[in-house]
Amino acid sequence: MAISKKQAIELLKENAESYSREEMRESLIASGFEPAQADALIAEATAGKAWLRRRLLKRILTSLCVIAASVVIFTTYRLKLKDRPDLLRDARAAARLGDHAGALPFFDSHIQSYPGDDYAYLNRGASHLALKNYESAIADFKQALFLKPRDTTALGGLILTYERRGAERTLEKDYSGALQDYEQVLSLDPANTLAMSGKTINLGLLDRRDGSSRPETSQHSPIILK
């Protein structure tokens, strides 16, 4: 056998993102491994890659949760600087205590009376985001931007909502949905590095999943194992 199992695993890990499973299997067999041994080595090497991606995505999601909490705190503080009716003060107080579900009815009643209040939409959007009501959060942040087009806080909330939903969709293996969310982020913030990374990860995962159900058409040259 030209190479050891340890060396084979290291080579597979280095090339797992560039070569198909079939290409790696053929190279291992050509290097002297039995087909069953080749399958076992590929499974071990690619399992490590999958674990690394899951850990990275979980870290991204954790970071987004921390940022989301910061958005809620900041937007409720902005309301404190304004002279608002009692309903909005009650909503703000509930949100500040973390009771976002309890804050929503107060926000709803206030917005019915004051439909032009961009701060109310901004804060209700933050509460929807905290509750993972992503569609409602997106609608509220968009309305806040419609009422105040250059509001960077509302824009940040909208971007954060797409980022957070994109990360969750990736963990749920909804790669197409995650791609749509990251593309929305890039349409709003073309230099957003997190969205760039998320898009790249999901394109790779989607291509790998789809490629497993169709004949391989890779143009890569075979791996030469020495």
C-alpha atoms as a PDB file:
ATOM      1  CA  MET A   1       0.000   0.000   0.000  1.00  0.00           C
ATOM      2  CA  ALA A   2       1.605   3.278  -1.109  1.00  0.00           C
ATOM      3  CA  ILE A   3       0.205   5.447   1.692  1.00  0.00           C
ATOM      4  CA  SER A   4      -1.025   4.853   5.217  1.00  0.00           C
ATOM      5  CA  LYS A   5      -4.633   5.292   6.350  1.00  0.00           C
ATOM      6  CA  LYS A   6      -3.615   8.364   8.360  1.00  0.00           C
ATOM      7  CA  GLN A   7      -2.021   9.968   5.302  1.00  0.00           C
ATOM      8  CA  ALA A   8      -5.073   9.114   3.213  1.00  0.00           C
ATOM      9  CA  ILE A   9      -7.430  10.798   5.682  1.00  0.00           C
ATOM     10  CA  GLU A  10      -5.293  13.956   5.715  1.00  0.00           C
ATOM     11  CA  LEU A  11      -5.320  14.088   1.914  1.00  0.00           C
ATOM     12  CA  LEU A  12      -9.071  13.545   1.825  1.00  0.00           C
ATOM     13  CA  LYS A  13      -9.650  16.355   4.311  1.00  0.00           C
ATOM     14  CA  GLU A  14      -7.556  18.724   2.225  1.00  0.00           C
ATOM     15  CA  ASN A  15      -9.429  17.853  -0.973  1.00  0.00           C
ATOM     16  CA  ALA A  16     -12.953  17.218   0.353  1.00  0.00           C
ATOM     17  CA  GLU A  17     -14.211  20.628  -0.818  1.00  0.00           C
ATOM     18  CA  SER A  18     -12.717  20.293  -4.322  1.00  0.00           C
ATOM     19  CA  TYR A  19     -13.365  16.715  -5.387  1.00  0.00           C
ATOM     20  CA  SER A  20     -16.447  14.555  -5.542  1.00  0.00           C
ATOM     21  CA  ARG A  21     -16.884  11.469  -3.375  1.00  0.00           C
ATOM     22  CA  GLU A  22     -16.555   9.235  -6.450  1.00  0.00           C
ATOM     23  CA  GLU A  23     -13.315  10.875  -7.538  1.00  0.00           C
ATOM     24  CA  MET A  24     -11.841  10.429  -4.058  1.00  0.00           C
ATOM     25  CA  ARG A  25     -12.966   6.801  -3.975  1.00  0.00           C
ATOM     26  CA  GLU A  26     -11.380   6.047  -7.338  1.00  0.00           C
ATOM     27  CA  SER A  27      -8.101   7.643  -6.254  1.00  0.00           C
ATOM     28  CA  LEU A  28      -7.999   5.612  -3.048  1.00  0.00           C
ATOM     29  CA  ILE A  29      -8.673   2.350  -4.886  1.00  0.00           C
ATOM     30  CA  ALA A  30      -5.966   3.248  -7.406  1.00  0.00           C
ATOM     31  CA  SER A  31      -3.601   3.735  -4.456  1.00  0.00           C
ATOM     32  CA  GLY A  32      -4.175   0.201  -3.213  1.00  0.00           C
ATOM     33  CA  PHE A  33      -7.138   0.441  -0.846  1.00  0.00           C
ATOM     34  CA  GLU A  34     -10.019  -1.998  -1.045  1.00  0.00           C
ATOM     35  CA  PRO A  35     -13.420  -0.414  -2.000  1.00  0.00           C
ATOM     36  CA  ALA A  36     -14.801  -0.963   1.514  1.00  0.00           C
ATOM     37  CA  GLN A  37     -11.693   0.623   3.040  1.00  0.00           C
ATOM     38  CA  ALA A  38     -12.006   3.595   0.663  1.00  0.00           C
ATOM     39  CA  ASP A  39     -15.643   4.147   1.643  1.00  0.00           C
ATOM     40  CA  ALA A  40     -14.768   4.024   5.349  1.00  0.00           C
ATOM     41  CA  LEU A  41     -11.900   6.503   4.956  1.00  0.00           C
ATOM     42  CA  ILE A  42     -14.064   8.945   2.964  1.00  0.00           C
ATOM     43  CA  ALA A  43     -16.836   8.716   5.567  1.00  0.00           C
ATOM     44  CA  GLU A  44     -14.370   9.496   8.371  1.00  0.00           C
ATOM     45  CA  ALA A  45     -12.789  12.439   6.551  1.00  0.00           C
ATOM     46  CA  THR A  46     -16.026  14.063   5.370  1.00  0.00           C
ATOM     47  CA  ALA A  47     -17.723  13.562   8.747  1.00  0.00           C
ATOM     48  CA  GLY A  48     -15.068  15.805  10.253  1.00  0.00           C
ATOM     49  CA  LYS A  49     -15.783  18.477   7.635  1.00  0.00           C
ATOM     50  CA  ALA A  50     -19.508  18.350   8.313  1.00  0.00           C
ATOM     51  CA  TRP A  51     -18.883  18.718  12.055  1.00  0.00           C
ATOM     52  CA  LEU A  52     -16.677  21.754  11.422  1.00  0.00           C
ATOM     53  CA  ARG A  53     -19.366  23.427   9.282  1.00  0.00           C
ATOM     54  CA  ARG A  54     -22.044  22.773  11.903  1.00  0.00           C
ATOM     55  CA  ARG A  55     -19.847  24.300  14.604  1.00  0.00           C
ATOM     56  CA  LEU A  56     -19.177  27.381  12.452  1.00  0.00           C
ATOM     57  CA  LEU A  57     -22.886  27.864  11.712  1.00  0.00           C
ATOM     58  CA  LYS A  58     -23.793  27.517  15.395  1.00  0.00           C
ATOM     59  CA  ARG A  59     -21.232  30.195  16.266  1.00  0.00           C
ATOM     60  CA  ILE A  60     -22.680  32.505  13.603  1.00  0.00           C
ATOM     61  CA  LEU A  61     -26.196  31.942  14.930  1.00  0.00           C
ATOM     62  CA  THR A  62     -25.094  32.628  18.511  1.00  0.00           C
ATOM     63  CA  SER A  63     -23.470  35.891  17.398  1.00  0.00           C
ATOM     64  CA  LEU A  64     -26.642  36.935  15.592  1.00  0.00           C
ATOM     65  CA  CYS A  65     -28.708  36.282  18.723  1.00  0.00           C
ATOM     66  CA  VAL A  66     -26.423  38.584  20.722  1.00  0.00           C
ATOM     67  CA  ILE A  67     -26.715  41.290  18.055  1.00  0.00           C
ATOM     68  CA  ALA A  68     -30.503  40.898  18.007  1.00  0.00           C
ATOM     69  CA  ALA A  69     -30.629  41.528  21.746  1.00  0.00           C
ATOM     70  CA  SER A  70     -28.531  44.662  21.225  1.00  0.00           C
ATOM     71  CA  VAL A  71     -30.970  45.934  18.567  1.00  0.00           C
ATOM     72  CA  VAL A  72     -33.908  45.471  20.956  1.00  0.00           C
ATOM     73  CA  ILE A  73     -32.104  47.310  23.779  1.00  0.00           C
ATOM     74  CA  PHE A  74     -31.036  50.169  21.511  1.00  0.00           C
ATOM     75  CA  THR A  75     -34.434  50.699  19.896  1.00  0.00           C
ATOM     76  CA  THR A  76     -36.285  50.651  23.235  1.00  0.00           C
ATOM     77  CA  TYR A  77     -33.800  53.213  24.529  1.00  0.00           C
ATOM     78  CA  ARG A  78     -34.555  55.427  21.531  1.00  0.00           C
ATOM     79  CA  LEU A  79     -38.231  55.374  22.486  1.00  0.00           C
ATOM     80  CA  LYS A  80     -37.348  56.492  25.986  1.00  0.00           C
ATOM     81  CA  LEU A  81     -36.054  59.721  24.505  1.00  0.00           C
ATOM     82  CA  LYS A  82     -39.430  60.412  22.911  1.00  0.00           C
ATOM     83  CA  ASP A  83     -42.637  61.622  24.482  1.00  0.00           C
ATOM     84  CA  ARG A  84     -44.950  58.751  23.534  1.00  0.00           C
ATOM     85  CA  PRO A  85     -48.516  57.814  24.535  1.00  0.00           C
ATOM     86  CA  ASP A  86     -49.127  55.322  27.343  1.00  0.00           C
ATOM     87  CA  LEU A  87     -49.635  52.317  25.055  1.00  0.00           C
ATOM     88  CA  LEU A  88     -46.193  52.677  23.545  1.00  0.00           C
ATOM     89  CA  ARG A  89     -44.601  53.267  26.934  1.00  0.00           C
ATOM     90  CA  ASP A  90     -46.229  50.038  28.160  1.00  0.00           C
ATOM     91  CA  ALA A  91     -44.992  48.182  25.086  1.00  0.00           C
ATOM     92  CA  ARG A  92     -41.488  49.511  25.598  1.00  0.00           C
ATOM     93  CA  ALA A  93     -41.508  48.539  29.266  1.00  0.00           C
ATOM     94  CA  ALA A  94     -42.606  44.976  28.446  1.00  0.00           C
ATOM     95  CA  ALA A  95     -39.974  44.620  25.724  1.00  0.00           C
ATOM     96  CA  ARG A  96     -37.278  45.952  28.027  1.00  0.00           C
ATOM     97  CA  LEU A  97     -38.135  43.185  30.503  1.00  0.00           C
ATOM     98  CA  GLY A  98     -37.920  40.588  27.738  1.00  0.00           C
ATOM     99  CA  ASP A  99     -41.682  40.061  27.462  1.00  0.00           C
ATOM    100  CA  HIS A 100     -41.860  40.587  23.710  1.00  0.00           C
ATOM    101  CA  ALA A 101     -45.052  38.550  23.296  1.00  0.00           C
ATOM    102  CA  GLY A 102     -46.710  40.759  25.908  1.00  0.00           C
ATOM    103  CA  ALA A 103     -45.423  43.902  24.221  1.00  0.00           C
ATOM    104  CA  LEU A 104     -46.966  43.123  20.830  1.00  0.00           C
ATOM    105  CA  PRO A 105     -50.633  43.929  21.717  1.00  0.00           C
ATOM    106  CA  PHE A 106     -49.551  47.353  23.008  1.00  0.00           C
ATOM    107  CA  PHE A 107     -47.549  48.025  19.851  1.00  0.00           C
ATOM    108  CA  ASP A 108     -50.498  46.903  17.705  1.00  0.00           C
ATOM    109  CA  SER A 109     -52.953  49.222  19.489  1.00  0.00           C
ATOM    110  CA  HIS A 110     -50.552  52.153  19.322  1.00  0.00           C
ATOM    111  CA  ILE A 111     -49.891  51.671  15.591  1.00  0.00           C
ATOM    112  CA  GLN A 112     -53.640  51.557  14.891  1.00  0.00           C
ATOM    113  CA  SER A 113     -53.865  55.040  16.389  1.00  0.00           C
ATOM    114  CA  TYR A 114     -50.542  56.350  15.093  1.00  0.00           C
ATOM    115  CA  PRO A 115     -49.821  54.571  11.769  1.00  0.00           C
ATOM    116  CA  GLY A 116     -47.126  57.069  10.853  1.00  0.00           C
ATOM    117  CA  ASP A 117     -44.933  56.391  13.910  1.00  0.00           C
ATOM    118  CA  ASP A 118     -41.725  54.892  12.484  1.00  0.00           C
ATOM    119  CA  TYR A 119     -40.312  54.270  15.974  1.00  0.00           C
ATOM    120  CA  ALA A 120     -43.267  52.023  16.812  1.00  0.00           C
ATOM    121  CA  TYR A 121     -42.697  49.889  13.723  1.00  0.00           C
ATOM    122  CA  LEU A 122     -38.993  49.763  14.506  1.00  0.00           C
ATOM    123  CA  ASN A 123     -39.579  48.530  18.059  1.00  0.00           C
ATOM    124  CA  ARG A 124     -42.350  46.112  17.119  1.00  0.00           C
ATOM    125  CA  GLY A 125     -40.027  44.704  14.467  1.00  0.00           C
ATOM    126  CA  ALA A 126     -37.355  44.169  17.143  1.00  0.00           C
ATOM    127  CA  SER A 127     -39.861  42.275  19.305  1.00  0.00           C
ATOM    128  CA  HIS A 128     -40.949  40.136  16.349  1.00  0.00           C
ATOM    129  CA  LEU A 129     -37.292  39.388  15.657  1.00  0.00           C
ATOM    130  CA  ALA A 130     -36.710  38.346  19.263  1.00  0.00           C
ATOM    131  CA  LEU A 131     -39.686  35.969  18.919  1.00  0.00           C
ATOM    132  CA  LYS A 132     -38.397  34.640  15.572  1.00  0.00           C
ATOM    133  CA  ASN A 133     -41.467  36.002  13.761  1.00  0.00           C
ATOM    134  CA  TYR A 134     -39.249  36.751  10.796  1.00  0.00           C
ATOM    135  CA  GLU A 135     -41.878  37.688   8.211  1.00  0.00           C
ATOM    136  CA  SER A 136     -43.535  40.123  10.618  1.00  0.00           C
ATOM    137  CA  ALA A 137     -40.157  41.586  11.608  1.00  0.00           C
ATOM    138  CA  ILE A 138     -39.250  42.115   7.949  1.00  0.00           C
ATOM    139  CA  ALA A 139     -42.580  43.839   7.274  1.00  0.00           C
ATOM    140  CA  ASP A 140     -42.157  46.183  10.260  1.00  0.00           C
ATOM    141  CA  PHE A 141     -38.566  47.143   9.488  1.00  0.00           C
ATOM    142  CA  LYS A 142     -39.528  47.806   5.861  1.00  0.00           C
ATOM    143  CA  GLN A 143     -42.412  50.014   7.002  1.00  0.00           C
ATOM    144  CA  ALA A 144     -40.081  51.895   9.353  1.00  0.00           C
ATOM    145  CA  LEU A 145     -37.753  52.489   6.391  1.00  0.00           C
ATOM    146  CA  PHE A 146     -40.671  53.593   4.230  1.00  0.00           C
ATOM    147  CA  LEU A 147     -41.620  56.186   6.837  1.00  0.00           C
ATOM    148  CA  LYS A 148     -38.001  57.207   7.476  1.00  0.00           C
ATOM    149  CA  PRO A 149     -35.899  56.108   4.463  1.00  0.00           C
ATOM    150  CA  ARG A 150     -32.458  56.871   5.891  1.00  0.00           C
ATOM    151  CA  ASP A 151     -32.999  55.243   9.282  1.00  0.00           C
ATOM    152  CA  THR A 152     -29.840  53.154   9.701  1.00  0.00           C
ATOM    153  CA  THR A 153     -31.279  51.370  12.753  1.00  0.00           C
ATOM    154  CA  ALA A 154     -34.265  50.085  10.777  1.00  0.00           C
ATOM    155  CA  LEU A 155     -31.948  49.062   7.946  1.00  0.00           C
ATOM    156  CA  GLY A 156     -29.739  47.248  10.428  1.00  0.00           C
ATOM    157  CA  GLY A 157     -32.755  45.450  11.875  1.00  0.00           C
ATOM    158  CA  LEU A 158     -33.865  44.341   8.417  1.00  0.00           C
ATOM    159  CA  ILE A 159     -30.385  43.059   7.563  1.00  0.00           C
ATOM    160  CA  LEU A 160     -30.124  41.263  10.893  1.00  0.00           C
ATOM    161  CA  THR A 161     -33.483  39.546  10.356  1.00  0.00           C
ATOM    162  CA  TYR A 162     -32.394  38.147   6.997  1.00  0.00           C
ATOM    163  CA  GLU A 163     -29.021  37.079   8.445  1.00  0.00           C
ATOM    164  CA  ARG A 164     -30.573  35.323  11.405  1.00  0.00           C
ATOM    165  CA  ARG A 165     -33.204  33.533   9.336  1.00  0.00           C
ATOM    166  CA  GLY A 166     -30.552  32.560   6.796  1.00  0.00           C
ATOM    167  CA  ALA A 167     -28.414  30.979   9.525  1.00  0.00           C
ATOM    168  CA  GLU A 168     -31.380  29.037  10.921  1.00  0.00           C
ATOM    169  CA  ARG A 169     -32.421  27.859   7.467  1.00  0.00           C
ATOM    170  CA  THR A 170     -28.898  26.581   6.884  1.00  0.00           C
ATOM    171  CA  LEU A 171     -29.018  24.566  10.111  1.00  0.00           C
ATOM    172  CA  GLU A 172     -32.390  23.201   9.004  1.00  0.00           C
ATOM    173  CA  LYS A 173     -30.854  22.244   5.612  1.00  0.00           C
ATOM    174  CA  ASP A 174     -33.122  24.676   3.742  1.00  0.00           C
ATOM    175  CA  TYR A 175     -30.179  25.827   1.630  1.00  0.00           C
ATOM    176  CA  SER A 176     -32.279  27.463  -1.100  1.00  0.00           C
ATOM    177  CA  GLY A 177     -34.163  29.549   1.459  1.00  0.00           C
ATOM    178  CA  ALA A 178     -30.928  30.505   3.186  1.00  0.00           C
ATOM    179  CA  LEU A 179     -29.443  31.632  -0.134  1.00  0.00           C
ATOM    180  CA  GLN A 180     -32.428  33.906  -0.724  1.00  0.00           C
ATOM    181  CA  ASP A 181     -31.939  35.498   2.696  1.00  0.00           C
ATOM    182  CA  TYR A 182     -28.221  36.097   2.215  1.00  0.00           C
ATOM    183  CA  GLU A 183     -28.862  37.548  -1.250  1.00  0.00           C
ATOM    184  CA  GLN A 184     -31.361  39.943   0.331  1.00  0.00           C
ATOM    185  CA  VAL A 185     -28.652  41.018   2.788  1.00  0.00           C
ATOM    186  CA  LEU A 186     -26.174  41.625  -0.030  1.00  0.00           C
ATOM    187  CA  SER A 187     -28.743  43.668  -1.944  1.00  0.00           C
ATOM    188  CA  LEU A 188     -28.962  45.953   1.107  1.00  0.00           C
ATOM    189  CA  ASP A 189     -25.293  45.788   2.134  1.00  0.00           C
ATOM    190  CA  PRO A 190     -23.045  44.551  -0.717  1.00  0.00           C
ATOM    191  CA  ALA A 191     -19.961  44.520   1.524  1.00  0.00           C
ATOM    192  CA  ASN A 192     -21.527  42.333   4.231  1.00  0.00           C
ATOM    193  CA  THR A 193     -18.875  39.669   4.849  1.00  0.00           C
ATOM    194  CA  LEU A 194     -21.154  37.440   6.943  1.00  0.00           C
ATOM    195  CA  ALA A 195     -23.659  37.253   4.085  1.00  0.00           C
ATOM    196  CA  MET A 196     -20.869  36.557   1.605  1.00  0.00           C
ATOM    197  CA  SER A 197     -19.685  33.647   3.750  1.00  0.00           C
ATOM    198  CA  GLY A 198     -23.232  32.390   4.277  1.00  0.00           C
ATOM    199  CA  LYS A 199     -23.944  32.484   0.565  1.00  0.00           C
ATOM    200  CA  THR A 200     -20.750  30.599  -0.250  1.00  0.00           C
ATOM    201  CA  ILE A 201     -21.455  27.929   2.386  1.00  0.00           C
ATOM    202  CA  ASN A 202     -25.013  27.374   1.189  1.00  0.00           C
ATOM    203  CA  LEU A 203     -24.048  27.278  -2.483  1.00  0.00           C
ATOM    204  CA  GLY A 204     -21.560  24.548  -1.653  1.00  0.00           C
ATOM    205  CA  LEU A 205     -24.012  22.588   0.483  1.00  0.00           C
ATOM    206  CA  LEU A 206     -26.764  22.900  -2.126  1.00  0.00           C
ATOM    207  CA  ASP A 207     -24.464  21.810  -4.935  1.00  0.00           C
ATOM    208  CA  ARG A 208     -23.220  18.865  -2.888  1.00  0.00           C
ATOM    209  CA  ARG A 209     -26.741  17.726  -2.003  1.00  0.00           C
ATOM    210  CA  ASP A 210     -28.028  18.083  -5.558  1.00  0.00           C
ATOM    211  CA  GLY A 211     -24.898  16.522  -7.019  1.00  0.00           C
ATOM    212  CA  SER A 212     -25.353  13.376  -4.942  1.00  0.00           C
ATOM    213  CA  SER A 213     -28.513  12.554  -6.908  1.00  0.00           C
ATOM    214  CA  ARG A 214     -27.111  13.032 -10.414  1.00  0.00           C
ATOM    215  CA  PRO A 215     -24.153  11.652 -12.389  1.00  0.00           C
ATOM    216  CA  GLU A 216     -20.835  13.294 -11.575  1.00  0.00           C
ATOM    217  CA  THR A 217     -19.688  15.848 -14.157  1.00  0.00           C
ATOM    218  CA  SER A 218     -16.666  17.319 -12.374  1.00  0.00           C
ATOM    219  CA  GLN A 219     -13.842  18.507 -14.600  1.00  0.00           C
ATOM    220  CA  HIS A 220     -11.172  18.100 -11.898  1.00  0.00           C
ATOM    221  CA  SER A 221      -8.203  15.897 -12.616  1.00  0.00           C
ATOM    222  CA  PRO A 222      -7.912  12.756 -10.448  1.00  0.00           C
ATOM    223  CA  ILE A 223      -6.077  13.104  -7.151  1.00  0.00           C
ATOM    224  CA  ILE A 224      -2.638  11.635  -7.349  1.00  0.00           C
ATOM    225  CA  LEU A 225      -1.803   9.935  -4.071  1.00  0.00           C
ATOM    226  CA  LYS A 226       1.805   9.012  -3.547  1.00  0.00           C
END
